[in-house]
């Protein structure tokens, strides 16, 4: 009799335990992956690349250099479509470094008047490069067909919350965009952040800036589009609190003065500026910095919110 009662008690306890666990699971629903439809158009157009109004015959995604920032969460699905209008003169393609899919099928070049679509799952968190892969790829990248995709970690608690976020994409500028041999010979005429020479340098005519308040954690999503030069990314007057290789929170370095990002690679940088002042973010490869790759982070108590990729006056659309 005692054995039967003991078994009944254990069965009841197990049932109650199951109900408790089921209730807990219901109270904490799992993260739900999303599906994003991302469409881009290859646009061959002139852009302005400095405060003096110099124009460049660029090849772009959606008419800007860099192309639009794509932002998703780890585990999300991206349905991507690229259109190459009949008005263009060249084939174009799209290669997402955040994707793990067949190259020949999905990254092939399409001719003017054609469209290509493919789907991928963003399986790993980080900051990733995207770019045109049509031959000669070195020219398509040099002329501006690149951008960034941020894949946020599905668990936001894996790193500290940022107070401000910016995307910076480094690339080389060639005055003659038709001179492919100069690109192979690394004879670049300048180095740009986000498609502009000294774009975020307020002490140069026409330049903008990056704003922050003292004590804020500023997160820089940094991509090196190349096509050839390495970047030695350094905050003058500061030290990187954290550097995350490829932007993956699992790849965490602390207290880094300068971090090298190769062409086609990326990293996420955190800096906390303790006091007001100017803190230039540069490539410490000085031939690049002194020819355009300087972005000044201005820390001020009255700093206003800014977009992920701030515009500057020479790029504002005409009214």
Protein backbone atom coordinates (compact mmCIF):
# COMPACT_ATOMS: atom_id res chain seq x y z
CA UNK A 1 0.00 0.00 0.00
CA UNK A 2 2.81 2.35 0.93
CA UNK A 3 4.58 1.58 -2.34
CA UNK A 4 1.46 2.42 -4.37
CA UNK A 5 1.02 5.75 -2.52
CA UNK A 6 4.69 6.59 -3.08
CA UNK A 7 4.31 5.93 -6.78
CA UNK A 8 1.13 8.07 -6.88
CA UNK A 9 2.99 10.91 -5.13
CA UNK A 10 5.93 10.71 -7.55
CA UNK A 11 3.55 10.67 -10.52
CA UNK A 12 1.69 13.71 -9.15
CA UNK A 13 4.97 15.53 -8.41
CA UNK A 14 6.23 14.81 -11.89
CA UNK A 15 2.99 16.14 -13.34
CA UNK A 16 3.20 19.33 -11.29
CA UNK A 17 6.84 19.73 -12.32
CA UNK A 18 5.87 19.37 -15.96
CA UNK A 19 3.18 22.02 -15.56
CA UNK A 20 5.67 24.38 -13.89
CA UNK A 21 8.23 23.89 -16.67
CA UNK A 22 5.54 24.30 -19.32
CA UNK A 23 4.35 27.50 -17.66
CA UNK A 24 7.93 28.83 -17.52
CA UNK A 25 8.47 28.05 -21.19
CA UNK A 26 5.22 29.82 -22.06
CA UNK A 27 6.29 32.87 -20.07
CA UNK A 28 9.61 33.16 -21.94
CA UNK A 29 8.88 32.72 -25.65
CA UNK A 30 11.83 31.94 -27.90
CA UNK A 31 13.19 34.64 -30.21
CA UNK A 32 11.33 34.64 -33.51
CA UNK A 33 13.40 35.01 -36.66
CA UNK A 34 12.17 37.51 -39.23
CA UNK A 35 12.21 37.61 -43.00
CA UNK A 36 13.41 40.73 -44.78
CA UNK A 37 12.86 41.64 -48.42
CA UNK A 38 15.88 43.68 -49.52
CA UNK A 39 15.97 45.15 -53.01
CA UNK A 40 18.77 47.19 -54.56
CA UNK A 41 19.31 48.78 -57.94
CA UNK A 42 22.66 49.18 -59.68
CA UNK A 43 22.95 52.86 -60.59
CA UNK A 44 25.75 54.28 -62.72
CA UNK A 45 25.90 57.96 -61.81
CA UNK A 46 28.14 60.86 -60.83
CA UNK A 47 28.59 61.56 -57.12
CA UNK A 48 30.30 64.40 -55.24
CA UNK A 49 33.26 63.15 -53.19
CA UNK A 50 34.54 66.26 -51.38
CA UNK A 51 33.64 69.70 -50.07
CA UNK A 52 35.04 71.35 -53.18
CA UNK A 53 32.38 69.73 -55.35
CA UNK A 54 34.63 67.25 -57.18
CA UNK A 55 32.53 64.71 -59.03
CA UNK A 56 33.29 61.07 -59.63
CA UNK A 57 31.79 58.73 -62.24
CA UNK A 58 30.65 56.07 -59.78
CA UNK A 59 28.92 52.72 -60.03
CA UNK A 60 26.63 52.38 -57.03
CA UNK A 61 23.91 50.50 -55.23
CA UNK A 62 20.82 52.73 -55.06
CA UNK A 63 22.74 55.80 -56.19
CA UNK A 64 24.95 56.31 -53.14
CA UNK A 65 28.48 55.40 -52.04
CA UNK A 66 28.40 53.38 -49.88
CA UNK A 67 25.15 51.60 -50.63
CA UNK A 68 22.41 51.45 -47.98
CA UNK A 69 23.18 49.80 -44.64
CA UNK A 70 21.27 46.53 -44.26
CA UNK A 71 20.49 45.61 -40.65
CA UNK A 72 19.01 42.31 -39.49
CA UNK A 73 19.23 39.98 -36.50
CA UNK A 74 21.12 36.71 -36.23
CA UNK A 75 18.90 33.94 -37.59
CA UNK A 76 16.86 36.21 -39.87
CA UNK A 77 16.19 35.36 -43.52
CA UNK A 78 17.01 37.84 -46.29
CA UNK A 79 15.26 37.69 -49.64
CA UNK A 80 17.54 39.76 -51.85
CA UNK A 81 16.88 41.16 -55.33
CA UNK A 82 19.31 43.11 -57.51
CA UNK A 83 18.09 44.99 -60.57
CA UNK A 84 20.46 46.16 -63.30
CA UNK A 85 18.46 48.71 -65.32
CA UNK A 86 18.56 48.69 -69.10
CA UNK A 87 19.98 52.23 -68.97
CA UNK A 88 23.25 50.95 -67.47
CA UNK A 89 26.26 50.06 -69.60
CA UNK A 90 27.89 47.34 -67.47
CA UNK A 91 27.11 43.98 -65.85
CA UNK A 92 26.77 44.01 -62.05
CA UNK A 93 26.42 41.51 -59.21
CA UNK A 94 26.08 41.26 -55.42
CA UNK A 95 28.23 39.33 -52.95
CA UNK A 96 27.12 39.36 -49.28
CA UNK A 97 29.89 38.31 -46.89
CA UNK A 98 27.18 37.56 -44.31
CA UNK A 99 25.73 34.81 -46.53
CA UNK A 100 26.77 31.17 -46.80
CA UNK A 101 25.45 30.19 -50.21
CA UNK A 102 26.64 28.98 -53.62
CA UNK A 103 28.83 31.55 -55.35
CA UNK A 104 28.28 30.49 -58.97
CA UNK A 105 24.50 30.46 -58.72
CA UNK A 106 23.88 33.54 -56.62
CA UNK A 107 26.77 35.93 -57.10
CA UNK A 108 26.90 35.79 -60.90
CA UNK A 109 26.90 39.03 -62.87
CA UNK A 110 23.73 40.12 -64.62
CA UNK A 111 23.58 42.28 -67.73
CA UNK A 112 21.78 45.57 -68.11
CA UNK A 113 18.03 44.95 -68.19
CA UNK A 114 18.22 41.84 -65.96
CA UNK A 115 17.30 41.00 -62.36
CA UNK A 116 18.59 38.35 -59.96
CA UNK A 117 17.16 37.13 -56.65
CA UNK A 118 18.38 34.80 -53.94
CA UNK A 119 17.75 33.98 -50.28
CA UNK A 120 20.10 33.44 -47.34
CA UNK A 121 19.97 33.15 -43.57
CA UNK A 122 22.21 35.45 -41.51
CA UNK A 123 23.59 32.68 -39.30
CA UNK A 124 26.43 34.56 -37.60
CA UNK A 125 26.33 37.95 -35.84
CA UNK A 126 28.69 40.71 -36.92
CA UNK A 127 29.44 43.50 -39.33
CA UNK A 128 29.96 42.25 -42.88
CA UNK A 129 31.02 43.65 -46.23
CA UNK A 130 28.87 43.49 -49.34
CA UNK A 131 30.06 44.38 -52.83
CA UNK A 132 29.68 43.89 -56.55
CA UNK A 133 31.55 40.85 -57.83
CA UNK A 134 31.29 41.44 -61.57
CA UNK A 135 34.62 41.38 -63.41
CA UNK A 136 36.88 43.20 -63.12
CA UNK A 137 35.81 43.19 -59.48
CA UNK A 138 38.64 45.55 -58.49
CA UNK A 139 37.06 48.26 -60.67
CA UNK A 140 33.48 47.69 -59.50
CA UNK A 141 34.60 48.03 -55.86
CA UNK A 142 36.85 51.02 -56.56
CA UNK A 143 33.99 52.80 -58.32
CA UNK A 144 31.72 52.51 -55.30
CA UNK A 145 29.72 49.28 -55.42
CA UNK A 146 29.98 48.30 -51.77
CA UNK A 147 28.26 48.61 -48.41
CA UNK A 148 27.70 47.03 -45.01
CA UNK A 149 25.27 44.58 -43.47
CA UNK A 150 24.95 44.50 -39.67
CA UNK A 151 23.77 41.23 -38.17
CA UNK A 152 22.83 42.01 -34.57
CA UNK A 153 23.27 39.17 -32.06
CA UNK A 154 19.97 37.52 -31.15
CA UNK A 155 20.90 37.96 -27.48
CA UNK A 156 21.51 41.69 -27.00
CA UNK A 157 23.05 41.02 -23.58
CA UNK A 158 26.20 39.45 -25.02
CA UNK A 159 27.79 42.92 -25.11
CA UNK A 160 27.32 46.32 -23.51
CA UNK A 161 24.58 48.53 -24.93
CA UNK A 162 25.92 51.32 -27.12
CA UNK A 163 24.77 54.91 -26.63
CA UNK A 164 25.64 55.83 -30.22
CA UNK A 165 26.40 53.83 -33.34
CA UNK A 166 28.11 54.76 -36.59
CA UNK A 167 29.06 52.88 -39.74
CA UNK A 168 32.39 53.79 -41.39
CA UNK A 169 33.49 52.17 -44.64
CA UNK A 170 37.02 52.83 -45.86
CA UNK A 171 37.81 52.74 -49.57
CA UNK A 172 40.39 54.04 -52.02
CA UNK A 173 39.72 56.85 -54.49
CA UNK A 174 41.06 56.75 -58.05
CA UNK A 175 40.63 59.99 -59.99
CA UNK A 176 40.40 58.11 -63.28
CA UNK A 177 37.79 55.39 -62.66
CA UNK A 178 38.49 53.88 -66.07
CA UNK A 179 42.17 53.21 -65.32
CA UNK A 180 41.98 49.61 -64.10
CA UNK A 181 45.75 49.22 -64.33
CA UNK A 182 46.20 52.00 -61.76
CA UNK A 183 43.94 50.01 -59.43
CA UNK A 184 46.09 46.93 -59.88
CA UNK A 185 49.20 49.05 -59.31
CA UNK A 186 47.73 50.56 -56.09
CA UNK A 187 48.10 54.09 -57.46
CA UNK A 188 45.21 55.57 -55.54
CA UNK A 189 44.72 59.33 -55.20
CA UNK A 190 42.96 59.38 -51.85
CA UNK A 191 41.30 57.30 -49.15
CA UNK A 192 37.67 57.85 -48.19
CA UNK A 193 35.33 57.17 -45.32
CA UNK A 194 31.77 56.59 -46.52
CA UNK A 195 32.50 57.79 -50.03
CA UNK A 196 34.01 61.16 -49.15
CA UNK A 197 37.46 62.73 -48.80
CA UNK A 198 37.67 64.17 -45.25
CA UNK A 199 33.90 63.68 -45.09
CA UNK A 200 33.77 63.87 -41.29
CA UNK A 201 36.56 66.40 -40.75
CA UNK A 202 34.99 69.70 -39.56
CA UNK A 203 38.31 71.53 -39.81
CA UNK A 204 38.35 70.97 -43.58
CA UNK A 205 36.03 73.04 -45.79
CA UNK A 206 32.69 71.32 -46.17
CA UNK A 207 33.45 68.45 -43.81
CA UNK A 208 31.00 67.13 -41.26
CA UNK A 209 31.68 65.34 -37.94
CA UNK A 210 30.59 62.50 -35.68
CA UNK A 211 28.95 63.63 -32.44
CA UNK A 212 28.96 62.10 -28.97
CA UNK A 213 28.57 63.12 -25.35
CA UNK A 214 31.35 62.56 -22.81
CA UNK A 215 30.90 59.20 -21.11
CA UNK A 216 28.84 57.66 -23.91
CA UNK A 217 29.77 54.31 -25.38
CA UNK A 218 30.25 54.91 -29.11
CA UNK A 219 30.15 51.84 -31.32
CA UNK A 220 31.80 52.03 -34.74
CA UNK A 221 30.89 49.36 -37.28
CA UNK A 222 33.95 49.48 -39.53
CA UNK A 223 34.35 47.89 -42.96
CA UNK A 224 37.38 48.05 -45.24
CA UNK A 225 36.12 47.97 -48.83
CA UNK A 226 39.63 48.29 -50.27
CA UNK A 227 40.05 47.27 -52.97
CA UNK A 228 43.72 46.95 -51.90
CA UNK A 229 44.87 48.86 -48.84
CA UNK A 230 44.87 47.63 -45.24
CA UNK A 231 43.46 49.93 -42.57
CA UNK A 232 45.18 50.48 -39.20
CA UNK A 233 42.16 51.90 -37.39
CA UNK A 234 43.12 54.12 -34.45
CA UNK A 235 41.35 56.69 -32.20
CA UNK A 236 43.70 59.65 -31.64
CA UNK A 237 43.54 60.68 -27.97
CA UNK A 238 41.74 57.49 -26.96
CA UNK A 239 42.09 53.70 -26.76
CA UNK A 240 39.54 51.23 -28.09
CA UNK A 241 37.73 49.80 -25.06
CA UNK A 242 36.65 46.78 -27.11
CA UNK A 243 37.41 45.46 -30.56
CA UNK A 244 35.23 42.69 -31.96
CA UNK A 245 36.78 40.93 -34.98
CA UNK A 246 34.16 40.74 -37.76
CA UNK A 247 31.79 42.35 -35.27
CA UNK A 248 31.13 39.04 -33.53
CA UNK A 249 30.67 39.55 -29.75
CA UNK A 250 32.55 36.27 -29.16
CA UNK A 251 35.72 37.82 -30.65
CA UNK A 252 36.37 40.40 -27.92
CA UNK A 253 39.70 42.19 -27.52
CA UNK A 254 40.11 44.83 -24.81
CA UNK A 255 42.27 47.96 -24.55
CA UNK A 256 43.49 48.06 -28.14
CA UNK A 257 45.39 51.08 -29.51
CA UNK A 258 45.30 50.22 -33.23
CA UNK A 259 43.64 47.33 -35.02
CA UNK A 260 44.37 46.19 -38.57
CA UNK A 261 41.41 45.50 -40.85
CA UNK A 262 42.26 44.00 -44.22
CA UNK A 263 40.46 44.61 -47.52
CA UNK A 264 37.14 42.81 -47.51
CA UNK A 265 37.12 42.45 -43.73
CA UNK A 266 35.43 44.30 -40.88
CA UNK A 267 35.39 44.84 -37.13
CA UNK A 268 33.30 46.57 -34.50
CA UNK A 269 34.98 49.12 -32.23
CA UNK A 270 33.75 50.51 -28.89
CA UNK A 271 35.18 53.66 -27.37
CA UNK A 272 34.08 55.60 -24.29
CA UNK A 273 35.32 59.19 -24.43
CA UNK A 274 35.70 60.48 -20.88
CA UNK A 275 35.97 64.22 -21.56
CA UNK A 276 34.84 66.80 -24.09
CA UNK A 277 37.07 67.42 -27.08
CA UNK A 278 38.05 66.25 -30.55
CA UNK A 279 39.11 62.65 -31.18
CA UNK A 280 40.06 61.86 -34.80
CA UNK A 281 39.39 58.29 -35.94
CA UNK A 282 41.99 57.48 -38.59
CA UNK A 283 43.84 54.80 -40.45
CA UNK A 284 47.33 54.99 -38.99
CA UNK A 285 48.63 54.16 -42.44
CA UNK A 286 49.34 57.86 -42.79
CA UNK A 287 49.37 57.95 -46.57
CA UNK A 288 45.67 57.09 -46.28
CA UNK A 289 44.81 59.34 -43.34
CA UNK A 290 46.47 62.43 -44.79
CA UNK A 291 44.70 61.89 -48.09
CA UNK A 292 41.20 61.72 -46.70
CA UNK A 293 40.65 58.93 -44.14
CA UNK A 294 40.05 61.02 -41.02
CA UNK A 295 36.72 61.14 -39.18
CA UNK A 296 36.61 63.47 -36.17
CA UNK A 297 34.53 62.34 -33.19
CA UNK A 298 33.52 65.52 -31.34
CA UNK A 299 32.52 64.93 -27.72
CA UNK A 300 30.31 67.67 -26.31
CA UNK A 301 27.68 67.79 -23.53
CA UNK A 302 25.12 69.19 -25.99
CA UNK A 303 25.71 66.61 -28.76
CA UNK A 304 22.57 65.85 -30.74
CA UNK A 305 21.44 62.44 -32.00
CA UNK A 306 22.85 61.46 -35.40
CA UNK A 307 21.96 58.79 -37.97
CA UNK A 308 23.93 55.58 -38.42
CA UNK A 309 25.65 56.99 -41.52
CA UNK A 310 25.50 60.81 -41.30
CA UNK A 311 25.23 62.91 -44.42
CA UNK A 312 27.33 66.00 -45.06
CA UNK A 313 26.23 69.20 -46.84
CA UNK A 314 27.69 68.33 -50.25
CA UNK A 315 25.65 65.10 -50.37
CA UNK A 316 22.27 66.45 -49.34
CA UNK A 317 19.65 66.03 -52.06
CA UNK A 318 18.65 69.20 -53.92
CA UNK A 319 15.37 70.76 -52.80
